[in-house]
Full PDB file with SEQRES, HELIX, SHEET, SSBOND, CRYST1, ORIGX, SCALE, CONECT and MASTER records, all heavy atoms in Angstrom:
SEQRES   1 A   36  GLY GLU PRO SER ILE LEU LEU HIS THR THR ASP SER GLY          
SEQRES   2 A   36  ALA SER TRP SER ARG ILE PRO LEU SER GLU LYS LEU PRO          
SEQRES   3 A   36  GLY LEU PRO ASN THR ILE LEU ALA LEU GLY                      
SHEET    1 AA1 2 LEU A   7  HIS A   8  0                                        
SHEET    2 AA1 2 SER A  17  ARG A  18 -1                                        
CRYST1    1.000    1.000    1.000  90.00  90.00  90.00 P 1           1          
ORIGX1      1.000000  0.000000  0.000000        0.00000                         
ORIGX2      0.000000  1.000000  0.000000        0.00000                         
ORIGX3      0.000000  0.000000  1.000000        0.00000                         
SCALE1      1.000000  0.000000  0.000000        0.00000                         
SCALE2      0.000000  1.000000  0.000000        0.00000                         
SCALE3      0.000000  0.000000  1.000000        0.00000                         
ATOM      1  N   GLY A   1      -3.945  -2.602   4.408  1.00  0.00           N  
ATOM      2  CA  GLY A   1      -3.093  -2.983   3.276  1.00  0.00           C  
ATOM      3  C   GLY A   1      -4.010  -3.191   1.994  1.00  0.00           C  
ATOM      4  O   GLY A   1      -5.251  -3.030   2.096  1.00  0.00           O  
ATOM      5  N   GLU A   2      -3.319  -3.712   0.966  1.00  0.00           N  
ATOM      6  CA  GLU A   2      -4.158  -3.934  -0.286  1.00  0.00           C  
ATOM      7  C   GLU A   2      -3.678  -5.250  -0.869  1.00  0.00           C  
ATOM      8  O   GLU A   2      -2.624  -5.655  -0.785  1.00  0.00           O  
ATOM      9  CB  GLU A   2      -3.883  -2.759  -1.268  1.00  0.00           C  
ATOM     10  CG  GLU A   2      -2.453  -2.464  -1.521  1.00  0.00           C  
ATOM     11  CD  GLU A   2      -2.183  -1.122  -2.363  1.00  0.00           C  
ATOM     12  OE1 GLU A   2      -2.560  -0.087  -1.846  1.00  0.00           O  
ATOM     13  OE2 GLU A   2      -1.625  -1.357  -3.454  1.00  0.00           O  
ATOM     14  N   PRO A   3      -4.607  -5.967  -1.650  1.00  0.00           N  
ATOM     15  CA  PRO A   3      -6.048  -5.611  -1.663  1.00  0.00           C  
ATOM     16  C   PRO A   3      -6.716  -5.345  -0.312  1.00  0.00           C  
ATOM     17  O   PRO A   3      -6.046  -5.679   0.747  1.00  0.00           O  
ATOM     18  CB  PRO A   3      -6.628  -6.863  -2.381  1.00  0.00           C  
ATOM     19  CG  PRO A   3      -5.456  -7.520  -3.075  1.00  0.00           C  
ATOM     20  CD  PRO A   3      -4.346  -7.277  -2.232  1.00  0.00           C  
ATOM     21  N   SER A   4      -7.874  -4.732  -0.281  1.00  0.00           N  
ATOM     22  CA  SER A   4      -8.439  -4.272   0.959  1.00  0.00           C  
ATOM     23  C   SER A   4      -8.329  -5.223   2.098  1.00  0.00           C  
ATOM     24  O   SER A   4      -8.966  -6.365   2.120  1.00  0.00           O  
ATOM     25  CB  SER A   4      -9.939  -3.860   0.646  1.00  0.00           C  
ATOM     26  OG  SER A   4     -10.033  -2.704  -0.166  1.00  0.00           O  
ATOM     27  N   ILE A   5      -7.642  -4.850   3.135  1.00  0.00           N  
ATOM     28  CA  ILE A   5      -7.511  -5.682   4.331  1.00  0.00           C  
ATOM     29  C   ILE A   5      -7.414  -4.790   5.622  1.00  0.00           C  
ATOM     30  O   ILE A   5      -6.712  -3.748   5.485  1.00  0.00           O  
ATOM     31  CB  ILE A   5      -6.359  -6.714   4.213  1.00  0.00           C  
ATOM     32  CG1 ILE A   5      -6.406  -7.698   5.338  1.00  0.00           C  
ATOM     33  CG2 ILE A   5      -5.024  -6.033   4.110  1.00  0.00           C  
ATOM     34  CD1 ILE A   5      -5.501  -8.962   5.229  1.00  0.00           C  
ATOM     35  N   LEU A   6      -8.067  -5.155   6.741  1.00  0.00           N  
ATOM     36  CA  LEU A   6      -7.923  -4.503   7.918  1.00  0.00           C  
ATOM     37  C   LEU A   6      -7.818  -5.584   8.954  1.00  0.00           C  
ATOM     38  O   LEU A   6      -8.542  -6.452   9.209  1.00  0.00           O  
ATOM     39  CB  LEU A   6      -9.220  -3.622   8.187  1.00  0.00           C  
ATOM     40  CG  LEU A   6      -9.255  -3.061   9.658  1.00  0.00           C  
ATOM     41  CD1 LEU A   6      -8.098  -2.080   9.758  1.00  0.00           C  
ATOM     42  CD2 LEU A   6     -10.653  -2.412   9.702  1.00  0.00           C  
ATOM     43  N   LEU A   7      -6.577  -5.474   9.809  1.00  0.00           N  
ATOM     44  CA  LEU A   7      -6.361  -6.467  10.890  1.00  0.00           C  
ATOM     45  C   LEU A   7      -6.352  -5.551  12.116  1.00  0.00           C  
ATOM     46  O   LEU A   7      -5.941  -4.486  12.231  1.00  0.00           O  
ATOM     47  CB  LEU A   7      -5.018  -7.031  10.728  1.00  0.00           C  
ATOM     48  CG  LEU A   7      -4.799  -7.873   9.380  1.00  0.00           C  
ATOM     49  CD1 LEU A   7      -3.472  -8.445   9.234  1.00  0.00           C  
ATOM     50  CD2 LEU A   7      -5.941  -8.982   9.286  1.00  0.00           C  
ATOM     51  N   HIS A   8      -6.720  -6.207  13.409  1.00  0.00           N  
ATOM     52  CA  HIS A   8      -6.935  -5.599  14.619  1.00  0.00           C  
ATOM     53  C   HIS A   8      -6.402  -6.528  15.653  1.00  0.00           C  
ATOM     54  O   HIS A   8      -6.548  -7.774  15.567  1.00  0.00           O  
ATOM     55  CB  HIS A   8      -8.334  -5.261  14.853  1.00  0.00           C  
ATOM     56  CG  HIS A   8      -8.628  -4.478  16.097  1.00  0.00           C  
ATOM     57  ND1 HIS A   8      -9.612  -5.026  17.030  1.00  0.00           N  
ATOM     58  CD2 HIS A   8      -8.015  -3.397  16.693  1.00  0.00           C  
ATOM     59  CE1 HIS A   8      -9.571  -4.157  18.005  1.00  0.00           C  
ATOM     60  NE2 HIS A   8      -8.705  -3.249  17.843  1.00  0.00           N  
ATOM     61  N   THR A   9      -5.764  -6.026  16.674  1.00  0.00           N  
ATOM     62  CA  THR A   9      -5.196  -6.805  17.815  1.00  0.00           C  
ATOM     63  C   THR A   9      -5.467  -5.890  19.030  1.00  0.00           C  
ATOM     64  O   THR A   9      -5.378  -4.635  19.101  1.00  0.00           O  
ATOM     65  CB  THR A   9      -3.735  -7.040  17.647  1.00  0.00           C  
ATOM     66  OG1 THR A   9      -3.252  -7.736  18.826  1.00  0.00           O  
ATOM     67  CG2 THR A   9      -2.853  -5.765  17.679  1.00  0.00           C  
ATOM     68  N   THR A  10      -5.773  -6.668  20.192  1.00  0.00           N  
ATOM     69  CA  THR A  10      -5.956  -6.088  21.447  1.00  0.00           C  
ATOM     70  C   THR A  10      -4.950  -6.539  22.518  1.00  0.00           C  
ATOM     71  O   THR A  10      -4.994  -6.332  23.632  1.00  0.00           O  
ATOM     72  CB  THR A  10      -7.335  -6.275  21.955  1.00  0.00           C  
ATOM     73  OG1 THR A  10      -7.603  -7.681  21.928  1.00  0.00           O  
ATOM     74  CG2 THR A  10      -8.377  -5.625  21.056  1.00  0.00           C  
ATOM     75  N   ASP A  11      -3.963  -7.445  21.968  1.00  0.00           N  
ATOM     76  CA  ASP A  11      -2.884  -8.083  22.818  1.00  0.00           C  
ATOM     77  C   ASP A  11      -1.580  -7.804  22.374  1.00  0.00           C  
ATOM     78  O   ASP A  11      -0.714  -8.701  22.472  1.00  0.00           O  
ATOM     79  CB  ASP A  11      -3.304  -9.601  22.995  1.00  0.00           C  
ATOM     80  CG  ASP A  11      -3.424 -10.230  21.767  1.00  0.00           C  
ATOM     81  OD1 ASP A  11      -3.064  -9.688  20.638  1.00  0.00           O  
ATOM     82  OD2 ASP A  11      -3.937 -11.508  21.787  1.00  0.00           O  
ATOM     83  N   SER A  12      -1.359  -6.675  21.855  1.00  0.00           N  
ATOM     84  CA  SER A  12       0.051  -6.225  21.378  1.00  0.00           C  
ATOM     85  C   SER A  12       0.520  -7.095  20.125  1.00  0.00           C  
ATOM     86  O   SER A  12       1.693  -7.127  19.842  1.00  0.00           O  
ATOM     87  CB  SER A  12       1.075  -6.344  22.473  1.00  0.00           C  
ATOM     88  OG  SER A  12       0.651  -5.488  23.485  1.00  0.00           O  
ATOM     89  N   GLY A  13      -0.411  -7.727  19.431  1.00  0.00           N  
ATOM     90  CA  GLY A  13      -0.033  -8.586  18.226  1.00  0.00           C  
ATOM     91  C   GLY A  13       0.124 -10.006  18.486  1.00  0.00           C  
ATOM     92  O   GLY A  13       0.517 -10.710  17.579  1.00  0.00           O  
ATOM     93  N   ALA A  14      -0.172 -10.497  19.619  1.00  0.00           N  
ATOM     94  CA  ALA A  14      -0.105 -11.895  20.022  1.00  0.00           C  
ATOM     95  C   ALA A  14      -1.098 -12.660  19.031  1.00  0.00           C  
ATOM     96  O   ALA A  14      -0.784 -13.664  18.607  1.00  0.00           O  
ATOM     97  CB  ALA A  14      -0.349 -12.190  21.395  1.00  0.00           C  
ATOM     98  N   SER A  15      -2.170 -12.053  18.844  1.00  0.00           N  
ATOM     99  CA  SER A  15      -3.084 -12.475  17.929  1.00  0.00           C  
ATOM    100  C   SER A  15      -3.788 -11.402  17.107  1.00  0.00           C  
ATOM    101  O   SER A  15      -3.848 -10.240  17.589  1.00  0.00           O  
ATOM    102  CB  SER A  15      -4.280 -13.268  18.581  1.00  0.00           C  
ATOM    103  OG  SER A  15      -5.019 -12.324  19.538  1.00  0.00           O  
ATOM    104  N   TRP A  16      -4.184 -11.606  15.832  1.00  0.00           N  
ATOM    105  CA  TRP A  16      -4.740 -10.610  14.894  1.00  0.00           C  
ATOM    106  C   TRP A  16      -6.047 -11.197  14.486  1.00  0.00           C  
ATOM    107  O   TRP A  16      -6.138 -12.314  14.063  1.00  0.00           O  
ATOM    108  CB  TRP A  16      -3.772 -10.346  13.749  1.00  0.00           C  
ATOM    109  CG  TRP A  16      -2.526  -9.650  14.177  1.00  0.00           C  
ATOM    110  CD1 TRP A  16      -1.213 -10.271  14.599  1.00  0.00           C  
ATOM    111  CD2 TRP A  16      -2.128  -8.154  14.336  1.00  0.00           C  
ATOM    112  NE1 TRP A  16      -0.334  -9.269  14.920  1.00  0.00           N  
ATOM    113  CE2 TRP A  16      -0.945  -8.155  14.698  1.00  0.00           C  
ATOM    114  CE3 TRP A  16      -2.977  -7.038  14.049  1.00  0.00           C  
ATOM    115  CZ2 TRP A  16      -0.263  -6.873  14.988  1.00  0.00           C  
ATOM    116  CZ3 TRP A  16      -2.465  -5.980  14.149  1.00  0.00           C  
ATOM    117  CH2 TRP A  16      -1.107  -5.766  14.542  1.00  0.00           C  
ATOM    118  N   SER A  17      -7.023 -10.317  14.479  1.00  0.00           N  
ATOM    119  CA  SER A  17      -8.340 -10.527  13.779  1.00  0.00           C  
ATOM    120  C   SER A  17      -8.620  -9.754  12.647  1.00  0.00           C  
ATOM    121  O   SER A  17      -8.129  -8.606  12.497  1.00  0.00           O  
ATOM    122  CB  SER A  17      -9.540 -10.421  14.852  1.00  0.00           C  
ATOM    123  OG  SER A  17      -9.567  -9.091  15.251  1.00  0.00           O  
ATOM    124  N   ARG A  18      -9.269 -10.364  11.631  1.00  0.00           N  
ATOM    125  CA  ARG A  18      -9.477  -9.601  10.380  1.00  0.00           C  
ATOM    126  C   ARG A  18     -10.847  -9.054  10.473  1.00  0.00           C  
ATOM    127  O   ARG A  18     -11.847  -9.663  10.830  1.00  0.00           O  
ATOM    128  CB  ARG A  18      -9.365 -10.587   9.273  1.00  0.00           C  
ATOM    129  CG  ARG A  18      -9.719  -9.918   7.830  1.00  0.00           C  
ATOM    130  CD  ARG A  18      -9.184 -10.777   6.709  1.00  0.00           C  
ATOM    131  NE  ARG A  18      -9.399  -9.969   5.416  1.00  0.00           N  
ATOM    132  CZ  ARG A  18      -9.155 -10.418   4.187  1.00  0.00           C  
ATOM    133  NH1 ARG A  18      -8.551 -11.755   4.149  1.00  0.00           N  
ATOM    134  NH2 ARG A  18      -9.327  -9.747   3.199  1.00  0.00           N  
ATOM    135  N   ILE A  19     -10.995  -7.759  10.102  1.00  0.00           N  
ATOM    136  CA  ILE A  19     -12.284  -7.025  10.114  1.00  0.00           C  
ATOM    137  C   ILE A  19     -12.738  -6.722   8.759  1.00  0.00           C  
ATOM    138  O   ILE A  19     -11.943  -6.166   8.004  1.00  0.00           O  
ATOM    139  CB  ILE A  19     -12.055  -5.641  11.040  1.00  0.00           C  
ATOM    140  CG1 ILE A  19     -11.691  -6.067  12.487  1.00  0.00           C  
ATOM    141  CG2 ILE A  19     -13.441  -4.939  10.843  1.00  0.00           C  
ATOM    142  CD1 ILE A  19     -11.499  -4.785  13.290  1.00  0.00           C  
ATOM    143  N   PRO A  20     -13.892  -7.112   8.380  1.00  0.00           N  
ATOM    144  CA  PRO A  20     -14.411  -6.937   6.952  1.00  0.00           C  
ATOM    145  C   PRO A  20     -14.579  -5.434   6.666  1.00  0.00           C  
ATOM    146  O   PRO A  20     -14.929  -4.684   7.428  1.00  0.00           O  
ATOM    147  CB  PRO A  20     -15.804  -7.681   6.906  1.00  0.00           C  
ATOM    148  CG  PRO A  20     -15.677  -8.621   8.133  1.00  0.00           C  
ATOM    149  CD  PRO A  20     -14.906  -7.927   9.187  1.00  0.00           C  
ATOM    150  N   LEU A  21     -14.278  -5.197   5.420  1.00  0.00           N  
ATOM    151  CA  LEU A  21     -14.367  -3.750   4.934  1.00  0.00           C  
ATOM    152  C   LEU A  21     -15.418  -3.829   3.805  1.00  0.00           C  
ATOM    153  O   LEU A  21     -15.566  -4.805   3.094  1.00  0.00           O  
ATOM    154  CB  LEU A  21     -13.055  -3.246   4.426  1.00  0.00           C  
ATOM    155  CG  LEU A  21     -11.950  -2.849   5.471  1.00  0.00           C  
ATOM    156  CD1 LEU A  21     -10.636  -2.652   4.719  1.00  0.00           C  
ATOM    157  CD2 LEU A  21     -12.417  -1.739   6.330  1.00  0.00           C  
ATOM    158  N   SER A  22     -16.175  -2.593   3.692  1.00  0.00           N  
ATOM    159  CA  SER A  22     -17.287  -2.639   2.692  1.00  0.00           C  
ATOM    160  C   SER A  22     -16.658  -2.692   1.343  1.00  0.00           C  
ATOM    161  O   SER A  22     -15.572  -2.061   0.912  1.00  0.00           O  
ATOM    162  CB  SER A  22     -18.053  -1.262   2.879  1.00  0.00           C  
ATOM    163  OG  SER A  22     -18.876  -1.132   1.812  1.00  0.00           O  
ATOM    164  N   GLU A  23     -17.287  -3.425   0.449  1.00  0.00           N  
ATOM    165  CA  GLU A  23     -16.910  -3.480  -1.022  1.00  0.00           C  
ATOM    166  C   GLU A  23     -16.999  -2.122  -1.636  1.00  0.00           C  
ATOM    167  O   GLU A  23     -16.485  -1.861  -2.700  1.00  0.00           O  
ATOM    168  CB  GLU A  23     -17.675  -4.465  -1.769  1.00  0.00           C  
ATOM    169  CG  GLU A  23     -17.359  -5.857  -1.292  1.00  0.00           C  
ATOM    170  CD  GLU A  23     -18.136  -6.927  -2.105  1.00  0.00           C  
ATOM    171  OE1 GLU A  23     -18.945  -6.497  -3.048  1.00  0.00           O  
ATOM    172  OE2 GLU A  23     -18.001  -8.145  -1.780  1.00  0.00           O  
ATOM    173  N   LYS A  24     -17.828  -1.129  -1.112  1.00  0.00           N  
ATOM    174  CA  LYS A  24     -17.990   0.147  -1.570  1.00  0.00           C  
ATOM    175  C   LYS A  24     -16.985   1.228  -1.235  1.00  0.00           C  
ATOM    176  O   LYS A  24     -17.181   2.374  -1.422  1.00  0.00           O  
ATOM    177  CB  LYS A  24     -19.403   0.609  -1.247  1.00  0.00           C  
ATOM    178  CG  LYS A  24     -20.606  -0.233  -1.962  1.00  0.00           C  
ATOM    179  CD  LYS A  24     -21.905   0.239  -1.480  1.00  0.00           C  
ATOM    180  CE  LYS A  24     -23.075  -0.444  -2.047  1.00  0.00           C  
ATOM    181  NZ  LYS A  24     -24.334   0.007  -1.626  1.00  0.00           N  
ATOM    182  N   LEU A  25     -16.070   0.726  -0.348  1.00  0.00           N  
ATOM    183  CA  LEU A  25     -14.921   1.565   0.127  1.00  0.00           C  
ATOM    184  C   LEU A  25     -14.358   2.313  -0.994  1.00  0.00           C  
ATOM    185  O   LEU A  25     -13.751   1.637  -1.932  1.00  0.00           O  
ATOM    186  CB  LEU A  25     -13.979   0.828   0.925  1.00  0.00           C  
ATOM    187  CG  LEU A  25     -12.843   1.669   1.656  1.00  0.00           C  
ATOM    188  CD1 LEU A  25     -13.385   2.494   2.762  1.00  0.00           C  
ATOM    189  CD2 LEU A  25     -11.708   0.709   2.041  1.00  0.00           C  
ATOM    190  N   PRO A  26     -14.225   3.578  -1.080  1.00  0.00           N  
ATOM    191  CA  PRO A  26     -13.565   4.285  -2.174  1.00  0.00           C  
ATOM    192  C   PRO A  26     -12.032   4.086  -2.029  1.00  0.00           C  
ATOM    193  O   PRO A  26     -11.435   4.468  -1.134  1.00  0.00           O  
ATOM    194  CB  PRO A  26     -14.039   5.729  -2.156  1.00  0.00           C  
ATOM    195  CG  PRO A  26     -14.554   5.953  -0.618  1.00  0.00           C  
ATOM    196  CD  PRO A  26     -14.936   4.598  -0.107  1.00  0.00           C  
ATOM    197  N   GLY A  27     -11.503   3.471  -3.164  1.00  0.00           N  
ATOM    198  CA  GLY A  27      -9.967   3.266  -3.057  1.00  0.00           C  
ATOM    199  C   GLY A  27      -9.609   2.130  -2.180  1.00  0.00           C  
ATOM    200  O   GLY A  27     -10.570   1.267  -1.758  1.00  0.00           O  
ATOM    201  N   LEU A  28      -8.346   2.064  -1.875  1.00  0.00           N  
ATOM    202  CA  LEU A  28      -7.905   0.910  -1.114  1.00  0.00           C  
ATOM    203  C   LEU A  28      -7.356   1.493   0.205  1.00  0.00           C  
ATOM    204  O   LEU A  28      -6.878   2.602   0.204  1.00  0.00           O  
ATOM    205  CB  LEU A  28      -6.713   0.191  -1.800  1.00  0.00           C  
ATOM    206  CG  LEU A  28      -7.216  -0.490  -3.005  1.00  0.00           C  
ATOM    207  CD1 LEU A  28      -5.921  -0.978  -3.803  1.00  0.00           C  
ATOM    208  CD2 LEU A  28      -8.081  -1.654  -2.836  1.00  0.00           C  
ATOM    209  N   PRO A  29      -7.445   0.738   1.383  1.00  0.00           N  
ATOM    210  CA  PRO A  29      -6.783   1.199   2.642  1.00  0.00           C  
ATOM    211  C   PRO A  29      -5.387   1.553   2.509  1.00  0.00           C  
ATOM    212  O   PRO A  29      -4.581   0.860   1.833  1.00  0.00           O  
ATOM    213  CB  PRO A  29      -7.005  -0.021   3.603  1.00  0.00           C  
ATOM    214  CG  PRO A  29      -8.129  -0.814   3.019  1.00  0.00           C  
ATOM    215  CD  PRO A  29      -8.007  -0.588   1.480  1.00  0.00           C  
ATOM    216  N   ASN A  30      -5.039   2.856   2.992  1.00  0.00           N  
ATOM    217  CA  ASN A  30      -3.600   3.293   2.710  1.00  0.00           C  
ATOM    218  C   ASN A  30      -2.848   3.517   4.078  1.00  0.00           C  
ATOM    219  O   ASN A  30      -1.817   3.089   4.249  1.00  0.00           O  
ATOM    220  CB  ASN A  30      -3.846   4.683   1.912  1.00  0.00           C  
ATOM    221  CG  ASN A  30      -2.468   5.215   1.568  1.00  0.00           C  
ATOM    222  OD1 ASN A  30      -1.384   4.509   1.443  1.00  0.00           O  
ATOM    223  ND2 ASN A  30      -2.408   6.379   1.334  1.00  0.00           N  
ATOM    224  N   THR A  31      -3.529   4.286   4.963  1.00  0.00           N  
ATOM    225  CA  THR A  31      -2.902   4.566   6.262  1.00  0.00           C  
ATOM    226  C   THR A  31      -3.998   4.259   7.335  1.00  0.00           C  
ATOM    227  O   THR A  31      -5.123   4.293   7.213  1.00  0.00           O  
ATOM    228  CB  THR A  31      -2.416   5.964   6.413  1.00  0.00           C  
ATOM    229  OG1 THR A  31      -3.574   6.881   6.519  1.00  0.00           O  
ATOM    230  CG2 THR A  31      -1.483   6.380   5.248  1.00  0.00           C  
ATOM    231  N   ILE A  32      -3.327   3.932   8.597  1.00  0.00           N  
ATOM    232  CA  ILE A  32      -4.201   3.694   9.739  1.00  0.00           C  
ATOM    233  C   ILE A  32      -3.493   4.383  10.977  1.00  0.00           C  
ATOM    234  O   ILE A  32      -2.354   4.308  11.088  1.00  0.00           O  
ATOM    235  CB  ILE A  32      -4.486   2.228   9.957  1.00  0.00           C  
ATOM    236  CG1 ILE A  32      -5.537   2.038  11.004  1.00  0.00           C  
ATOM    237  CG2 ILE A  32      -3.211   1.485  10.221  1.00  0.00           C  
ATOM    238  CD1 ILE A  32      -6.966   2.102  10.619  1.00  0.00           C  
ATOM    239  N   LEU A  33      -4.352   5.058  11.806  1.00  0.00           N  
ATOM    240  CA  LEU A  33      -3.715   5.663  13.029  1.00  0.00           C  
ATOM    241  C   LEU A  33      -4.547   5.207  14.183  1.00  0.00           C  
ATOM    242  O   LEU A  33      -5.841   5.528  14.210  1.00  0.00           O  
ATOM    243  CB  LEU A  33      -3.766   7.155  12.820  1.00  0.00           C  
ATOM    244  CG  LEU A  33      -3.262   7.845  14.142  1.00  0.00           C  
ATOM    245  CD1 LEU A  33      -1.654   7.646  14.277  1.00  0.00           C  
ATOM    246  CD2 LEU A  33      -3.427   9.383  13.925  1.00  0.00           C  
ATOM    247  N   ALA A  34      -4.077   4.640  15.220  1.00  0.00           N  
ATOM    248  CA  ALA A  34      -4.710   4.217  16.384  1.00  0.00           C  
ATOM    249  C   ALA A  34      -5.003   5.532  17.176  1.00  0.00           C  
ATOM    250  O   ALA A  34      -3.918   6.228  17.443  1.00  0.00           O  
ATOM    251  CB  ALA A  34      -3.908   3.229  17.298  1.00  0.00           C  
ATOM    252  N   LEU A  35      -6.181   5.838  17.690  1.00  0.00           N  
ATOM    253  CA  LEU A  35      -6.501   7.040  18.348  1.00  0.00           C  
ATOM    254  C   LEU A  35      -6.657   6.756  19.780  1.00  0.00           C  
ATOM    255  O   LEU A  35      -6.630   7.700  20.618  1.00  0.00           O  
ATOM    256  CB  LEU A  35      -7.711   7.715  17.797  1.00  0.00           C  
ATOM    257  CG  LEU A  35      -7.557   8.189  16.219  1.00  0.00           C  
ATOM    258  CD1 LEU A  35      -8.882   8.672  15.757  1.00  0.00           C  
ATOM    259  CD2 LEU A  35      -6.480   9.221  16.202  1.00  0.00           C  
ATOM    260  N   GLY A  36      -7.102   5.599  20.211  1.00  0.00           N  
ATOM    261  CA  GLY A  36      -7.355   5.273  21.627  1.00  0.00           C  
ATOM    262  C   GLY A  36      -8.140   3.933  21.554  1.00  0.00           C  
ATOM    263  O   GLY A  36      -8.231   3.286  20.636  1.00  0.00           O  
TER     264      GLY A  36                                                      
MASTER        0    0    0    0    2    0    0    6  263    1    0    3          
END                                                                             
């Protein structure tokens, strides 16, 4: 989401951890797709 934020869970959302994103990231996070 925006402002730049990335959240990750490994337990179906029972808990969420925030993962830092680079300040040099071009633009703001828009879409995310879990691949595996």
